[in-house]
Amino acid sequence: MDLMRAALRVDDLPVVIGRISDSGEDKDGKVWNYGDAVRQAQQDFVDSDTAAAIVTETDKYGYSDPYHYDTNGYIELGKRFAEAIHSIRPE
């Protein structure tokens, strides 16, 4: 994100992340084997950046296949992104 902000010359460019979630639709019940580490990295980034927010409601979304949310999930994600971007107040 620092490189994106530098390229756009906006140090406090707001960033919203959709927390990765797992459908559980795999043989071992876990599609994203490193999902917990990714989720922690996402949260760590948001915790350390005043111009970042995270959408955490993704665990409740339905799936169209093991990797992708269904239509209603993407619509809800878009709404949450809009709410989150408006909640960010750069210093």
Protein backbone atom coordinates (compact mmCIF):
# COMPACT_ATOMS: atom_id res chain seq x y z
CA MET A 1 0.00 0.00 0.00
CA ASP A 2 2.91 2.33 0.62
CA LEU A 3 3.97 1.88 -3.02
CA MET A 4 0.42 2.53 -4.27
CA ARG A 5 0.20 5.64 -2.12
CA ALA A 6 3.61 6.82 -3.33
CA ALA A 7 2.68 6.22 -6.97
CA LEU A 8 -0.50 8.25 -6.51
CA ARG A 9 1.28 10.81 -4.30
CA VAL A 10 -1.37 10.50 -1.61
CA ASP A 11 0.24 9.48 1.68
CA ASP A 12 -3.08 9.00 3.45
CA LEU A 13 -5.01 7.33 0.63
CA PRO A 14 -7.83 5.42 2.35
CA VAL A 15 -7.65 1.63 2.10
CA VAL A 16 -10.41 -0.86 2.89
CA ILE A 17 -9.67 -4.57 3.13
CA GLY A 18 -12.24 -7.35 2.98
CA ARG A 19 -11.18 -9.94 5.53
CA ILE A 20 -10.54 -13.28 3.85
CA SER A 21 -12.95 -16.00 4.89
CA ASP A 22 -13.05 -19.72 4.25
CA SER A 23 -15.99 -21.61 2.76
CA GLY A 24 -14.82 -24.82 4.41
CA GLU A 25 -15.67 -26.65 1.18
CA ASP A 26 -12.52 -28.73 0.95
CA LYS A 27 -11.64 -32.31 1.91
CA ASP A 28 -10.07 -31.17 5.16
CA GLY A 29 -12.71 -28.49 5.78
CA LYS A 30 -10.31 -25.63 5.06
CA VAL A 31 -9.88 -24.14 1.58
CA TRP A 32 -7.36 -21.48 2.63
CA ASN A 33 -4.62 -23.41 4.44
CA TYR A 34 -2.90 -20.18 5.46
CA GLY A 35 -6.08 -18.17 5.93
CA ASP A 36 -5.46 -17.52 9.63
CA ALA A 37 -2.04 -16.04 8.89
CA VAL A 38 -3.49 -13.86 6.11
CA ARG A 39 -6.31 -12.68 8.38
CA GLN A 40 -3.80 -11.76 11.07
CA ALA A 41 -1.66 -9.85 8.56
CA GLN A 42 -4.74 -8.00 7.32
CA GLN A 43 -5.69 -7.02 10.86
CA ASP A 44 -2.12 -6.02 11.74
CA PHE A 45 -2.01 -3.72 8.72
CA VAL A 46 -5.29 -2.03 9.63
CA ASP A 47 -4.25 -1.69 13.28
CA SER A 48 -1.05 0.10 12.25
CA ASP A 49 -2.55 2.40 9.60
CA THR A 50 -4.91 5.24 10.50
CA ALA A 51 -6.15 5.47 6.90
CA ALA A 52 -7.17 1.81 6.69
CA ALA A 53 -10.27 -0.15 7.66
CA ILE A 54 -11.34 -3.77 7.45
CA VAL A 55 -14.67 -5.38 6.63
CA THR A 56 -15.07 -8.37 8.95
CA GLU A 57 -18.60 -9.55 8.16
CA THR A 58 -17.34 -11.87 5.39
CA ASP A 59 -17.63 -14.99 7.56
CA LYS A 60 -21.41 -14.79 7.20
CA TYR A 61 -21.48 -14.68 3.38
CA GLY A 62 -22.62 -17.54 1.18
CA TYR A 63 -20.47 -19.04 -1.57
CA SER A 64 -21.04 -19.79 -5.25
CA ASP A 65 -18.08 -22.20 -5.23
CA PRO A 66 -15.34 -23.02 -2.69
CA TYR A 67 -13.49 -19.75 -3.42
CA HIS A 68 -16.01 -17.03 -4.26
CA TYR A 69 -18.89 -15.37 -2.47
CA ASP A 70 -22.34 -15.63 -3.97
CA THR A 71 -24.07 -12.61 -5.52
CA ASN A 72 -25.64 -11.51 -2.25
CA GLY A 73 -22.25 -11.74 -0.54
CA TYR A 74 -20.61 -9.46 -3.11
CA ILE A 75 -23.45 -6.96 -2.89
CA GLU A 76 -23.16 -6.89 0.90
CA LEU A 77 -19.37 -6.61 0.66
CA GLY A 78 -19.73 -3.58 -1.60
CA LYS A 79 -22.09 -1.93 0.88
CA ARG A 80 -19.68 -2.61 3.75
CA PHE A 81 -16.77 -1.23 1.70
CA ALA A 82 -18.73 1.98 1.11
CA GLU A 83 -19.52 2.31 4.82
CA ALA A 84 -15.92 1.61 5.79
CA ILE A 85 -14.40 4.08 3.34
CA HIS A 86 -16.62 6.82 4.74
CA SER A 87 -15.56 5.94 8.30
CA ILE A 88 -11.89 6.61 7.59
CA ARG A 89 -10.72 10.02 8.70
CA PRO A 90 -7.11 10.63 7.63
CA GLU A 91 -5.10 12.64 10.14
